[in-house]
N, C-alpha and C. Protein backbone atom coordinates (compact mmCIF):
# COMPACT_ATOMS: atom_id res chain seq x y z
N UNK A 1 17.94 -5.47 -9.01
CA UNK A 1 18.55 -4.73 -10.09
C UNK A 1 17.45 -4.26 -11.05
N UNK A 2 17.63 -3.06 -11.56
CA UNK A 2 16.75 -2.51 -12.58
C UNK A 2 17.60 -2.25 -13.81
N UNK A 3 17.09 -2.69 -14.95
CA UNK A 3 17.84 -2.54 -16.20
C UNK A 3 16.88 -2.16 -17.31
N UNK A 4 17.23 -1.13 -18.08
CA UNK A 4 16.38 -0.69 -19.19
C UNK A 4 17.21 0.03 -20.25
N UNK A 5 16.61 0.19 -21.41
CA UNK A 5 17.26 0.88 -22.51
C UNK A 5 16.82 2.34 -22.51
N UNK A 6 17.73 3.21 -22.94
CA UNK A 6 17.45 4.64 -22.97
C UNK A 6 18.08 5.23 -24.22
N UNK A 7 17.29 6.04 -24.93
CA UNK A 7 17.80 6.74 -26.11
C UNK A 7 18.25 8.14 -25.69
N UNK A 8 19.49 8.48 -26.00
CA UNK A 8 20.02 9.81 -25.66
C UNK A 8 19.22 10.85 -26.44
N UNK A 9 18.59 11.75 -25.70
CA UNK A 9 17.76 12.79 -26.31
C UNK A 9 18.32 14.17 -26.06
N UNK A 10 17.59 15.13 -26.57
CA UNK A 10 18.01 16.53 -26.46
C UNK A 10 18.11 16.99 -25.01
N UNK A 11 17.15 16.61 -24.17
CA UNK A 11 17.18 17.03 -22.76
C UNK A 11 18.43 16.50 -22.07
N UNK A 12 18.78 15.23 -22.35
CA UNK A 12 19.98 14.63 -21.74
C UNK A 12 21.21 15.46 -22.09
N UNK A 13 21.31 15.88 -23.33
CA UNK A 13 22.48 16.62 -23.78
C UNK A 13 22.45 18.10 -23.39
N UNK A 14 21.25 18.69 -23.32
CA UNK A 14 21.15 20.13 -23.08
C UNK A 14 21.24 20.53 -21.61
N UNK A 15 20.74 19.68 -20.71
CA UNK A 15 20.74 20.03 -19.30
C UNK A 15 21.97 19.49 -18.59
N UNK A 16 22.58 20.28 -17.71
CA UNK A 16 23.80 19.82 -17.04
C UNK A 16 23.59 18.62 -16.11
N UNK A 17 22.35 18.35 -15.72
CA UNK A 17 22.08 17.20 -14.84
C UNK A 17 21.73 15.95 -15.66
N UNK A 18 21.72 16.03 -16.98
CA UNK A 18 21.54 14.88 -17.88
C UNK A 18 20.44 13.93 -17.40
N UNK A 19 19.19 14.39 -17.42
CA UNK A 19 18.10 13.57 -16.88
C UNK A 19 17.84 12.29 -17.67
N UNK A 20 17.59 11.23 -16.94
CA UNK A 20 17.15 9.95 -17.52
C UNK A 20 15.89 9.56 -16.76
N UNK A 21 14.75 9.61 -17.42
CA UNK A 21 13.50 9.21 -16.78
C UNK A 21 13.41 7.70 -16.78
N UNK A 22 13.15 7.14 -15.61
CA UNK A 22 13.07 5.69 -15.45
C UNK A 22 11.68 5.24 -15.89
N UNK A 23 11.62 4.20 -16.75
CA UNK A 23 10.30 3.73 -17.21
C UNK A 23 9.41 3.30 -16.05
N UNK A 24 8.14 3.64 -16.16
CA UNK A 24 7.16 3.39 -15.09
C UNK A 24 7.09 1.92 -14.67
N UNK A 25 7.32 1.00 -15.60
CA UNK A 25 7.21 -0.42 -15.26
C UNK A 25 8.24 -0.86 -14.21
N UNK A 26 9.24 -0.03 -13.92
CA UNK A 26 10.27 -0.37 -12.94
C UNK A 26 10.04 0.27 -11.57
N UNK A 27 8.99 1.08 -11.41
CA UNK A 27 8.79 1.82 -10.17
C UNK A 27 8.62 0.90 -8.97
N UNK A 28 7.86 -0.17 -9.13
CA UNK A 28 7.64 -1.08 -8.01
C UNK A 28 8.96 -1.68 -7.52
N UNK A 29 9.78 -2.11 -8.46
CA UNK A 29 11.08 -2.68 -8.09
C UNK A 29 11.99 -1.63 -7.46
N UNK A 30 11.95 -0.41 -7.98
CA UNK A 30 12.72 0.69 -7.39
C UNK A 30 12.39 0.84 -5.92
N UNK A 31 11.10 0.80 -5.62
CA UNK A 31 10.64 0.98 -4.25
C UNK A 31 10.95 -0.25 -3.40
N UNK A 32 10.77 -1.45 -3.94
CA UNK A 32 11.04 -2.69 -3.19
C UNK A 32 12.52 -2.80 -2.82
N UNK A 33 13.38 -2.46 -3.77
CA UNK A 33 14.83 -2.59 -3.54
C UNK A 33 15.44 -1.32 -2.96
N UNK A 34 14.58 -0.35 -2.66
CA UNK A 34 15.03 0.93 -2.10
C UNK A 34 16.13 1.54 -2.95
N UNK A 35 15.86 1.63 -4.26
CA UNK A 35 16.85 2.18 -5.18
C UNK A 35 16.69 3.69 -5.38
N UNK A 36 15.66 4.26 -4.79
CA UNK A 36 15.46 5.70 -4.90
C UNK A 36 16.22 6.38 -3.76
N UNK A 37 17.42 6.83 -4.07
CA UNK A 37 18.29 7.41 -3.03
C UNK A 37 18.85 8.75 -3.49
N UNK A 38 19.38 9.49 -2.54
CA UNK A 38 19.90 10.82 -2.82
C UNK A 38 21.31 10.83 -3.38
N UNK A 39 22.04 9.76 -3.20
CA UNK A 39 23.43 9.75 -3.65
C UNK A 39 23.74 8.46 -4.39
N UNK A 40 24.13 8.60 -5.65
CA UNK A 40 24.45 7.43 -6.46
C UNK A 40 25.77 7.66 -7.19
N UNK A 41 26.41 6.58 -7.53
CA UNK A 41 27.62 6.60 -8.35
C UNK A 41 27.21 6.21 -9.76
N UNK A 42 27.61 7.00 -10.76
CA UNK A 42 27.22 6.75 -12.13
C UNK A 42 28.47 6.55 -12.98
N UNK A 43 28.54 5.37 -13.62
CA UNK A 43 29.69 5.03 -14.46
C UNK A 43 29.25 4.94 -15.90
N UNK A 44 30.07 5.49 -16.80
CA UNK A 44 29.78 5.43 -18.22
C UNK A 44 31.06 5.08 -18.98
N UNK A 45 30.95 4.80 -20.27
CA UNK A 45 32.17 4.51 -21.05
C UNK A 45 33.14 5.70 -21.09
N UNK A 46 32.66 6.90 -20.75
CA UNK A 46 33.47 8.10 -20.86
C UNK A 46 33.98 8.62 -19.52
N UNK A 47 33.59 7.97 -18.42
CA UNK A 47 34.02 8.41 -17.11
C UNK A 47 32.91 8.28 -16.09
N UNK A 48 33.19 8.69 -14.89
CA UNK A 48 32.25 8.53 -13.78
C UNK A 48 31.85 9.89 -13.21
N UNK A 49 30.69 9.91 -12.58
CA UNK A 49 30.21 11.10 -11.89
C UNK A 49 29.27 10.63 -10.77
N UNK A 50 28.73 11.55 -10.03
CA UNK A 50 27.77 11.25 -8.98
C UNK A 50 26.43 11.84 -9.37
N UNK A 51 25.39 11.44 -8.66
CA UNK A 51 24.07 11.97 -8.94
C UNK A 51 23.08 11.52 -7.90
N UNK A 52 21.80 11.54 -8.29
CA UNK A 52 20.74 11.15 -7.37
C UNK A 52 19.55 10.62 -8.17
N UNK A 53 18.63 9.97 -7.46
CA UNK A 53 17.37 9.54 -8.04
C UNK A 53 16.33 10.52 -7.53
N UNK A 54 15.68 11.21 -8.45
CA UNK A 54 14.72 12.25 -8.12
C UNK A 54 13.31 11.70 -8.30
N UNK A 55 12.44 12.00 -7.34
CA UNK A 55 11.03 11.65 -7.44
C UNK A 55 10.25 12.94 -7.61
N UNK A 56 9.38 12.98 -8.62
CA UNK A 56 8.62 14.20 -8.84
C UNK A 56 7.20 13.91 -9.31
N UNK A 57 6.42 14.96 -9.41
CA UNK A 57 5.03 14.90 -9.88
C UNK A 57 4.91 15.83 -11.08
N UNK A 58 4.23 15.35 -12.11
CA UNK A 58 3.96 16.17 -13.29
C UNK A 58 2.48 16.01 -13.63
N UNK A 59 2.03 16.67 -14.67
CA UNK A 59 0.64 16.59 -15.07
C UNK A 59 0.18 15.18 -15.37
N UNK A 60 1.10 14.33 -15.80
CA UNK A 60 0.77 12.94 -16.14
C UNK A 60 0.97 11.99 -14.96
N UNK A 61 1.42 12.49 -13.83
CA UNK A 61 1.58 11.65 -12.65
C UNK A 61 3.00 11.66 -12.10
N UNK A 62 3.24 10.71 -11.22
CA UNK A 62 4.54 10.60 -10.56
C UNK A 62 5.59 10.06 -11.52
N UNK A 63 6.85 10.42 -11.25
CA UNK A 63 7.95 9.89 -12.05
C UNK A 63 9.23 9.84 -11.23
N UNK A 64 10.12 8.96 -11.65
CA UNK A 64 11.47 8.87 -11.08
C UNK A 64 12.45 9.23 -12.19
N UNK A 65 13.48 9.95 -11.82
CA UNK A 65 14.46 10.38 -12.80
C UNK A 65 15.86 10.33 -12.21
N UNK A 66 16.79 9.84 -12.99
CA UNK A 66 18.20 9.89 -12.61
C UNK A 66 18.70 11.28 -12.99
N UNK A 67 19.32 11.97 -12.03
CA UNK A 67 19.90 13.28 -12.30
C UNK A 67 21.37 13.24 -11.89
N UNK A 68 22.21 13.69 -12.77
CA UNK A 68 23.65 13.65 -12.52
C UNK A 68 24.15 15.00 -12.06
N UNK A 69 25.21 14.97 -11.26
CA UNK A 69 25.89 16.21 -10.91
C UNK A 69 26.57 16.67 -12.19
N UNK A 70 26.28 17.87 -12.63
CA UNK A 70 26.83 18.34 -13.90
C UNK A 70 27.44 19.70 -13.78
N UNK A 71 27.72 20.28 -14.94
CA UNK A 71 28.27 21.62 -14.98
C UNK A 71 29.78 21.68 -14.84
N UNK A 72 30.44 20.54 -14.98
CA UNK A 72 31.89 20.51 -14.87
C UNK A 72 32.52 20.92 -16.20
N UNK A 73 33.74 21.41 -16.16
CA UNK A 73 34.44 21.79 -17.38
C UNK A 73 34.50 20.61 -18.34
N UNK A 74 34.90 19.45 -17.84
CA UNK A 74 34.87 18.25 -18.67
C UNK A 74 33.85 17.29 -18.08
N UNK A 75 32.65 17.38 -18.58
CA UNK A 75 31.56 16.52 -18.12
C UNK A 75 31.55 15.28 -19.01
N UNK A 76 31.84 14.10 -18.45
CA UNK A 76 31.92 12.90 -19.29
C UNK A 76 30.62 12.56 -20.00
N UNK A 77 29.49 13.02 -19.49
CA UNK A 77 28.21 12.71 -20.11
C UNK A 77 27.99 13.47 -21.42
N UNK A 78 28.77 14.53 -21.63
CA UNK A 78 28.66 15.29 -22.87
C UNK A 78 29.24 14.54 -24.07
N UNK A 79 29.89 13.42 -23.81
CA UNK A 79 30.48 12.62 -24.90
C UNK A 79 29.43 11.78 -25.62
N UNK A 80 28.28 11.57 -25.01
CA UNK A 80 27.21 10.82 -25.68
C UNK A 80 26.68 11.65 -26.84
N UNK A 81 26.15 10.97 -27.85
CA UNK A 81 25.62 11.62 -29.04
C UNK A 81 24.10 11.42 -29.13
N UNK A 82 23.43 12.40 -29.68
CA UNK A 82 21.98 12.37 -29.87
C UNK A 82 21.57 11.10 -30.62
N UNK A 83 20.59 10.39 -30.06
CA UNK A 83 20.06 9.20 -30.71
C UNK A 83 20.72 7.89 -30.32
N UNK A 84 21.86 7.96 -29.64
CA UNK A 84 22.51 6.71 -29.21
C UNK A 84 21.60 5.99 -28.22
N UNK A 85 21.61 4.67 -28.29
CA UNK A 85 20.83 3.87 -27.35
C UNK A 85 21.81 3.22 -26.37
N UNK A 86 21.52 3.42 -25.10
CA UNK A 86 22.38 2.85 -24.06
C UNK A 86 21.54 1.96 -23.14
N UNK A 87 22.22 1.12 -22.40
CA UNK A 87 21.59 0.32 -21.36
C UNK A 87 21.90 0.98 -20.03
N UNK A 88 20.87 1.17 -19.23
CA UNK A 88 21.00 1.74 -17.89
C UNK A 88 20.78 0.60 -16.90
N UNK A 89 21.74 0.39 -16.03
CA UNK A 89 21.65 -0.69 -15.04
C UNK A 89 21.84 -0.09 -13.66
N UNK A 90 20.84 -0.29 -12.80
CA UNK A 90 20.86 0.23 -11.44
C UNK A 90 20.95 -0.94 -10.47
N UNK A 91 21.95 -0.91 -9.61
CA UNK A 91 22.15 -2.03 -8.69
C UNK A 91 22.64 -1.54 -7.34
N UNK A 92 22.05 -2.07 -6.30
CA UNK A 92 22.49 -1.75 -4.94
C UNK A 92 23.62 -2.71 -4.56
N UNK A 93 24.71 -2.11 -4.08
CA UNK A 93 25.85 -2.88 -3.59
C UNK A 93 26.08 -2.43 -2.16
N UNK A 94 25.60 -3.23 -1.20
CA UNK A 94 25.66 -2.82 0.21
C UNK A 94 24.78 -1.60 0.40
N UNK A 95 25.36 -0.53 0.94
CA UNK A 95 24.61 0.70 1.16
C UNK A 95 24.67 1.65 -0.03
N UNK A 96 25.42 1.28 -1.05
CA UNK A 96 25.64 2.17 -2.19
C UNK A 96 24.78 1.75 -3.38
N UNK A 97 24.37 2.75 -4.17
CA UNK A 97 23.65 2.47 -5.40
C UNK A 97 24.59 2.82 -6.55
N UNK A 98 24.79 1.85 -7.42
CA UNK A 98 25.65 2.05 -8.59
C UNK A 98 24.79 2.03 -9.84
N UNK A 99 25.01 2.99 -10.72
CA UNK A 99 24.33 3.05 -11.99
C UNK A 99 25.38 2.97 -13.08
N UNK A 100 25.16 2.06 -14.01
CA UNK A 100 26.08 1.90 -15.14
C UNK A 100 25.35 2.25 -16.42
N UNK A 101 25.96 3.10 -17.22
CA UNK A 101 25.46 3.45 -18.55
C UNK A 101 26.40 2.80 -19.55
N UNK A 102 25.88 1.93 -20.39
CA UNK A 102 26.74 1.19 -21.32
C UNK A 102 26.11 1.13 -22.70
N UNK A 103 26.95 1.04 -23.71
CA UNK A 103 26.43 0.83 -25.06
C UNK A 103 25.96 -0.59 -25.19
N UNK A 104 24.98 -0.80 -26.05
CA UNK A 104 24.43 -2.15 -26.25
C UNK A 104 25.44 -3.04 -26.92
């Protein structure tokens, strides 16, 4: 399991895929537990959606990011407010990866 805190920022609210960059200190565990997958279930206090774990390269190096399927008329992730701090919990259950976004 990977668990970390995340502050809702402008990018999360502005982009329909609501990116959450995973802190670098969790990369080894992500790889060991094979948590970097193309299809994930994401649950929040406002509803559920699907998404993926994206691996990319930037000027500062490699990164992992949670990206949600977005662009829906009622996107439950739009209910979060700028500056809120949430806990992100990633856990593999059998062949499925579940991500929970919860208030502290």
